[in-house]
PDB file of N, CA and C in Angstrom:
ATOM      1  N   UNK A   1      38.878  -1.786  12.325  1.00  0.00           N
ATOM      2  CA  UNK A   1      38.282  -0.821  11.415  1.00  0.00           C
ATOM      3  C   UNK A   1      36.776  -1.089  11.346  1.00  0.00           C
ATOM      4  N   UNK A   2      36.009  -0.043  11.437  1.00  0.00           N
ATOM      5  CA  UNK A   2      34.557  -0.216  11.375  1.00  0.00           C
ATOM      6  C   UNK A   2      34.040   0.130   9.992  1.00  0.00           C
ATOM      7  N   UNK A   3      32.990  -0.573   9.635  1.00  0.00           N
ATOM      8  CA  UNK A   3      32.351  -0.302   8.342  1.00  0.00           C
ATOM      9  C   UNK A   3      31.266   0.742   8.530  1.00  0.00           C
ATOM     10  N   UNK A   4      31.170   1.610   7.568  1.00  0.00           N
ATOM     11  CA  UNK A   4      30.074   2.581   7.589  1.00  0.00           C
ATOM     12  C   UNK A   4      28.855   1.934   6.971  1.00  0.00           C
ATOM     13  N   UNK A   5      27.739   2.113   7.605  1.00  0.00           N
ATOM     14  CA  UNK A   5      26.493   1.585   7.085  1.00  0.00           C
ATOM     15  C   UNK A   5      25.718   2.735   6.484  1.00  0.00           C
ATOM     16  N   UNK A   6      25.430   2.623   5.200  1.00  0.00           N
ATOM     17  CA  UNK A   6      24.686   3.675   4.516  1.00  0.00           C
ATOM     18  C   UNK A   6      23.204   3.528   4.836  1.00  0.00           C
ATOM     19  N   UNK A   7      22.629   4.585   5.350  1.00  0.00           N
ATOM     20  CA  UNK A   7      21.212   4.570   5.673  1.00  0.00           C
ATOM     21  C   UNK A   7      20.407   4.772   4.402  1.00  0.00           C
ATOM     22  N   UNK A   8      19.504   3.844   4.143  1.00  0.00           N
ATOM     23  CA  UNK A   8      18.664   3.918   2.954  1.00  0.00           C
ATOM     24  C   UNK A   8      17.391   4.657   3.315  1.00  0.00           C
ATOM     25  N   UNK A   9      17.055   5.630   2.501  1.00  0.00           N
ATOM     26  CA  UNK A   9      15.833   6.388   2.731  1.00  0.00           C
ATOM     27  C   UNK A   9      14.620   5.510   2.447  1.00  0.00           C
ATOM     28  N   UNK A  10      13.535   5.785   3.134  1.00  0.00           N
ATOM     29  CA  UNK A  10      12.293   5.053   2.903  1.00  0.00           C
ATOM     30  C   UNK A  10      11.730   5.476   1.550  1.00  0.00           C
ATOM     31  N   UNK A  11      11.650   4.545   0.585  1.00  0.00           N
ATOM     32  CA  UNK A  11      11.166   4.918  -0.744  1.00  0.00           C
ATOM     33  C   UNK A  11       9.687   5.291  -0.765  1.00  0.00           C
ATOM     34  N   UNK A  12       8.980   4.970   0.297  1.00  0.00           N
ATOM     35  CA  UNK A  12       7.550   5.280   0.324  1.00  0.00           C
ATOM     36  C   UNK A  12       7.222   6.464   1.229  1.00  0.00           C
ATOM     37  N   UNK A  13       8.227   7.197   1.655  1.00  0.00           N
ATOM     38  CA  UNK A  13       7.997   8.367   2.493  1.00  0.00           C
ATOM     39  C   UNK A  13       7.315   9.457   1.666  1.00  0.00           C
ATOM     40  N   UNK A  14       6.262  10.005   2.224  1.00  0.00           N
ATOM     41  CA  UNK A  14       5.502  11.046   1.540  1.00  0.00           C
ATOM     42  C   UNK A  14       5.880  12.392   2.137  1.00  0.00           C
ATOM     43  N   UNK A  15       6.374  13.280   1.282  1.00  0.00           N
ATOM     44  CA  UNK A  15       6.849  14.582   1.756  1.00  0.00           C
ATOM     45  C   UNK A  15       5.929  15.719   1.349  1.00  0.00           C
ATOM     46  N   UNK A  16       5.235  15.568   0.243  1.00  0.00           N
ATOM     47  CA  UNK A  16       4.371  16.632  -0.246  1.00  0.00           C
ATOM     48  C   UNK A  16       3.250  16.038  -1.100  1.00  0.00           C
ATOM     49  N   UNK A  17       2.294  16.844  -1.553  1.00  0.00           N
ATOM     50  CA  UNK A  17       1.171  16.317  -2.339  1.00  0.00           C
ATOM     51  C   UNK A  17       1.591  15.624  -3.638  1.00  0.00           C
ATOM     52  N   UNK A  18       2.658  16.093  -4.282  1.00  0.00           N
ATOM     53  CA  UNK A  18       3.105  15.437  -5.510  1.00  0.00           C
ATOM     54  C   UNK A  18       3.664  14.041  -5.229  1.00  0.00           C
ATOM     55  N   UNK A  19       4.370  13.899  -4.106  1.00  0.00           N
ATOM     56  CA  UNK A  19       4.855  12.576  -3.718  1.00  0.00           C
ATOM     57  C   UNK A  19       3.686  11.641  -3.439  1.00  0.00           C
ATOM     58  N   UNK A  20       2.646  12.176  -2.816  1.00  0.00           N
ATOM     59  CA  UNK A  20       1.455  11.373  -2.523  1.00  0.00           C
ATOM     60  C   UNK A  20       0.796  10.910  -3.821  1.00  0.00           C
ATOM     61  N   UNK A  21       0.679  11.808  -4.786  1.00  0.00           N
ATOM     62  CA  UNK A  21       0.093  11.460  -6.081  1.00  0.00           C
ATOM     63  C   UNK A  21       0.946  10.405  -6.787  1.00  0.00           C
ATOM     64  N   UNK A  22       2.255  10.585  -6.764  1.00  0.00           N
ATOM     65  CA  UNK A  22       3.173   9.631  -7.386  1.00  0.00           C
ATOM     66  C   UNK A  22       3.017   8.253  -6.753  1.00  0.00           C
ATOM     67  N   UNK A  23       2.898   8.205  -5.450  1.00  0.00           N
ATOM     68  CA  UNK A  23       2.731   6.952  -4.732  1.00  0.00           C
ATOM     69  C   UNK A  23       1.395   6.284  -5.086  1.00  0.00           C
ATOM     70  N   UNK A  24       0.329   7.066  -5.162  1.00  0.00           N
ATOM     71  CA  UNK A  24      -0.990   6.522  -5.521  1.00  0.00           C
ATOM     72  C   UNK A  24      -0.968   5.912  -6.921  1.00  0.00           C
ATOM     73  N   UNK A  25      -0.351   6.595  -7.862  1.00  0.00           N
ATOM     74  CA  UNK A  25      -0.292   6.099  -9.233  1.00  0.00           C
ATOM     75  C   UNK A  25       0.575   4.846  -9.312  1.00  0.00           C
ATOM     76  N   UNK A  26       1.691   4.836  -8.622  1.00  0.00           N
ATOM     77  CA  UNK A  26       2.556   3.655  -8.607  1.00  0.00           C
ATOM     78  C   UNK A  26       1.803   2.455  -8.042  1.00  0.00           C
ATOM     79  N   UNK A  27       0.993   2.704  -7.024  1.00  0.00           N
ATOM     80  CA  UNK A  27       0.193   1.629  -6.436  1.00  0.00           C
ATOM     81  C   UNK A  27      -0.832   1.104  -7.438  1.00  0.00           C
ATOM     82  N   UNK A  28      -1.478   2.009  -8.143  1.00  0.00           N
ATOM     83  CA  UNK A  28      -2.467   1.606  -9.148  1.00  0.00           C
ATOM     84  C   UNK A  28      -1.831   0.788 -10.272  1.00  0.00           C
ATOM     85  N   UNK A  29      -0.580   1.105 -10.606  1.00  0.00           N
ATOM     86  CA  UNK A  29       0.123   0.396 -11.668  1.00  0.00           C
ATOM     87  C   UNK A  29       0.763  -0.904 -11.179  1.00  0.00           C
ATOM     88  N   UNK A  30       0.660  -1.182  -9.888  1.00  0.00           N
ATOM     89  CA  UNK A  30       1.218  -2.413  -9.340  1.00  0.00           C
ATOM     90  C   UNK A  30       2.720  -2.381  -9.153  1.00  0.00           C
ATOM     91  N   UNK A  31       3.277  -1.196  -8.941  1.00  0.00           N
ATOM     92  CA  UNK A  31       4.728  -1.055  -8.816  1.00  0.00           C
ATOM     93  C   UNK A  31       5.217  -0.894  -7.377  1.00  0.00           C
ATOM     94  N   UNK A  32       4.304  -0.901  -6.415  1.00  0.00           N
ATOM     95  CA  UNK A  32       4.685  -0.662  -5.024  1.00  0.00           C
ATOM     96  C   UNK A  32       5.687  -1.695  -4.506  1.00  0.00           C
ATOM     97  N   UNK A  33       5.467  -2.971  -4.795  1.00  0.00           N
ATOM     98  CA  UNK A  33       6.388  -3.998  -4.314  1.00  0.00           C
ATOM     99  C   UNK A  33       7.792  -3.800  -4.882  1.00  0.00           C
ATOM    100  N   UNK A  34       7.870  -3.453  -6.158  1.00  0.00           N
ATOM    101  CA  UNK A  34       9.177  -3.217  -6.782  1.00  0.00           C
ATOM    102  C   UNK A  34       9.855  -2.007  -6.151  1.00  0.00           C
ATOM    103  N   UNK A  35       9.099  -0.956  -5.891  1.00  0.00           N
ATOM    104  CA  UNK A  35       9.656   0.254  -5.294  1.00  0.00           C
ATOM    105  C   UNK A  35      10.169  -0.039  -3.881  1.00  0.00           C
ATOM    106  N   UNK A  36       9.426  -0.844  -3.122  1.00  0.00           N
ATOM    107  CA  UNK A  36       9.869  -1.211  -1.778  1.00  0.00           C
ATOM    108  C   UNK A  36      11.183  -1.982  -1.826  1.00  0.00           C
ATOM    109  N   UNK A  37      11.332  -2.840  -2.827  1.00  0.00           N
ATOM    110  CA  UNK A  37      12.534  -3.679  -2.922  1.00  0.00           C
ATOM    111  C   UNK A  37      13.738  -2.926  -3.463  1.00  0.00           C
ATOM    112  N   UNK A  38      13.564  -2.174  -4.559  1.00  0.00           N
ATOM    113  CA  UNK A  38      14.719  -1.578  -5.235  1.00  0.00           C
ATOM    114  C   UNK A  38      14.731  -0.055  -5.230  1.00  0.00           C
ATOM    115  N   UNK A  39      13.669   0.579  -4.798  1.00  0.00           N
ATOM    116  CA  UNK A  39      13.626   2.042  -4.738  1.00  0.00           C
ATOM    117  C   UNK A  39      13.188   2.672  -6.052  1.00  0.00           C
ATOM    118  N   UNK A  40      12.902   3.955  -5.991  1.00  0.00           N
ATOM    119  CA  UNK A  40      12.411   4.703  -7.153  1.00  0.00           C
ATOM    120  C   UNK A  40      13.449   4.772  -8.260  1.00  0.00           C
ATOM    121  N   UNK A  41      14.699   4.920  -7.905  1.00  0.00           N
ATOM    122  CA  UNK A  41      15.760   5.124  -8.890  1.00  0.00           C
ATOM    123  C   UNK A  41      15.975   3.918  -9.797  1.00  0.00           C
ATOM    124  N   UNK A  42      15.517   2.754  -9.385  1.00  0.00           N
ATOM    125  CA  UNK A  42      15.746   1.549 -10.170  1.00  0.00           C
ATOM    126  C   UNK A  42      14.537   1.121 -10.994  1.00  0.00           C
ATOM    127  N   UNK A  43      13.553   1.995 -11.120  1.00  0.00           N
ATOM    128  CA  UNK A  43      12.446   1.709 -12.033  1.00  0.00           C
ATOM    129  C   UNK A  43      12.951   1.891 -13.464  1.00  0.00           C
ATOM    130  N   UNK A  44      12.330   1.186 -14.391  1.00  0.00           N
ATOM    131  CA  UNK A  44      12.729   1.360 -15.787  1.00  0.00           C
ATOM    132  C   UNK A  44      12.241   2.715 -16.285  1.00  0.00           C
ATOM    133  N   UNK A  45      12.784   3.143 -17.410  1.00  0.00           N
ATOM    134  CA  UNK A  45      12.375   4.416 -17.999  1.00  0.00           C
ATOM    135  C   UNK A  45      10.890   4.375 -18.363  1.00  0.00           C
ATOM    136  N   UNK A  46      10.436   3.241 -18.839  1.00  0.00           N
ATOM    137  CA  UNK A  46       9.023   3.106 -19.213  1.00  0.00           C
ATOM    138  C   UNK A  46       8.122   3.227 -17.990  1.00  0.00           C
ATOM    139  N   UNK A  47       8.521   2.608 -16.884  1.00  0.00           N
ATOM    140  CA  UNK A  47       7.716   2.685 -15.660  1.00  0.00           C
ATOM    141  C   UNK A  47       7.683   4.105 -15.118  1.00  0.00           C
ATOM    142  N   UNK A  48       8.836   4.738 -15.081  1.00  0.00           N
ATOM    143  CA  UNK A  48       8.903   6.121 -14.597  1.00  0.00           C
ATOM    144  C   UNK A  48       8.112   7.062 -15.494  1.00  0.00           C
ATOM    145  N   UNK A  49       8.225   6.853 -16.792  1.00  0.00           N
ATOM    146  CA  UNK A  49       7.497   7.679 -17.743  1.00  0.00           C
ATOM    147  C   UNK A  49       6.004   7.529 -17.617  1.00  0.00           C
ATOM    148  N   UNK A  50       5.567   6.307 -17.376  1.00  0.00           N
ATOM    149  CA  UNK A  50       4.123   6.061 -17.203  1.00  0.00           C
ATOM    150  C   UNK A  50       3.609   6.785 -15.970  1.00  0.00           C
ATOM    151  N   UNK A  51       4.352   6.698 -14.885  1.00  0.00           N
ATOM    152  CA  UNK A  51       3.956   7.396 -13.655  1.00  0.00           C
ATOM    153  C   UNK A  51       3.907   8.902 -13.900  1.00  0.00           C
ATOM    154  N   UNK A  52       4.944   9.449 -14.525  1.00  0.00           N
ATOM    155  CA  UNK A  52       4.989  10.887 -14.797  1.00  0.00           C
ATOM    156  C   UNK A  52       3.881  11.338 -15.730  1.00  0.00           C
ATOM    157  N   UNK A  53       3.583  10.534 -16.729  1.00  0.00           N
ATOM    158  CA  UNK A  53       2.515  10.871 -17.664  1.00  0.00           C
ATOM    159  C   UNK A  53       1.157  10.912 -16.991  1.00  0.00           C
ATOM    160  N   UNK A  54       0.904   9.923 -16.142  1.00  0.00           N
ATOM    161  CA  UNK A  54      -0.374   9.897 -15.431  1.00  0.00           C
ATOM    162  C   UNK A  54      -0.470  11.028 -14.408  1.00  0.00           C
ATOM    163  N   UNK A  55       0.667  11.379 -13.786  1.00  0.00           N
ATOM    164  CA  UNK A  55       0.659  12.508 -12.859  1.00  0.00           C
ATOM    165  C   UNK A  55       0.293  13.789 -13.604  1.00  0.00           C
ATOM    166  N   UNK A  56       0.898  13.983 -14.771  1.00  0.00           N
ATOM    167  CA  UNK A  56       0.626  15.172 -15.573  1.00  0.00           C
ATOM    168  C   UNK A  56      -0.832  15.238 -15.971  1.00  0.00           C
ATOM    169  N   UNK A  57      -1.367  14.120 -16.421  1.00  0.00           N
ATOM    170  CA  UNK A  57      -2.771  14.074 -16.833  1.00  0.00           C
ATOM    171  C   UNK A  57      -3.699  14.438 -15.679  1.00  0.00           C
ATOM    172  N   UNK A  58      -3.441  13.865 -14.509  1.00  0.00           N
ATOM    173  CA  UNK A  58      -4.308  14.143 -13.360  1.00  0.00           C
ATOM    174  C   UNK A  58      -4.196  15.589 -12.894  1.00  0.00           C
ATOM    175  N   UNK A  59      -2.994  16.142 -12.929  1.00  0.00           N
ATOM    176  CA  UNK A  59      -2.819  17.527 -12.514  1.00  0.00           C
ATOM    177  C   UNK A  59      -3.526  18.473 -13.504  1.00  0.00           C
ATOM    178  N   UNK A  60      -3.457  18.163 -14.791  1.00  0.00           N
ATOM    179  CA  UNK A  60      -4.164  18.979 -15.793  1.00  0.00           C
ATOM    180  C   UNK A  60      -5.666  18.903 -15.579  1.00  0.00           C
ATOM    181  N   UNK A  61      -6.172  17.685 -15.368  1.00  0.00           N
ATOM    182  CA  UNK A  61      -7.611  17.512 -15.141  1.00  0.00           C
ATOM    183  C   UNK A  61      -8.065  18.274 -13.897  1.00  0.00           C
ATOM    184  N   UNK A  62      -7.281  18.210 -12.848  1.00  0.00           N
ATOM    185  CA  UNK A  62      -7.613  18.914 -11.611  1.00  0.00           C
ATOM    186  C   UNK A  62      -7.630  20.412 -11.841  1.00  0.00           C
ATOM    187  N   UNK A  63      -6.645  20.908 -12.585  1.00  0.00           N
ATOM    188  CA  UNK A  63      -6.547  22.345 -12.855  1.00  0.00           C
ATOM    189  C   UNK A  63      -7.728  22.812 -13.721  1.00  0.00           C
ATOM    190  N   UNK A  64      -8.141  22.001 -14.667  1.00  0.00           N
ATOM    191  CA  UNK A  64      -9.252  22.373 -15.547  1.00  0.00           C
ATOM    192  C   UNK A  64     -10.576  22.419 -14.796  1.00  0.00           C
ATOM    193  N   UNK A  65     -10.707  21.614 -13.739  1.00  0.00           N
ATOM    194  CA  UNK A  65     -11.936  21.598 -12.954  1.00  0.00           C
ATOM    195  C   UNK A  65     -12.044  22.800 -12.029  1.00  0.00           C
ATOM    196  N   UNK A  66     -10.928  23.435 -11.731  1.00  0.00           N
ATOM    197  CA  UNK A  66     -10.956  24.560 -10.785  1.00  0.00           C
ATOM    198  C   UNK A  66     -11.422  25.836 -11.427  1.00  0.00           C
TER     199      UNK A  66
END
């Protein structure tokens, strides 16, 4: 009997501009090593919330400048 090996997606793969922004903010917060080890889904609620809050702030600032 063979075992199935589940392919793990690259947690740092950038698919669109929002993913790029999320990655930049995570890097600034020092969370890149944790994301590489355990993935995005295993961040705490506080860490995820901080990333989302900063993304929102930057997107608002960008929109206001346009």
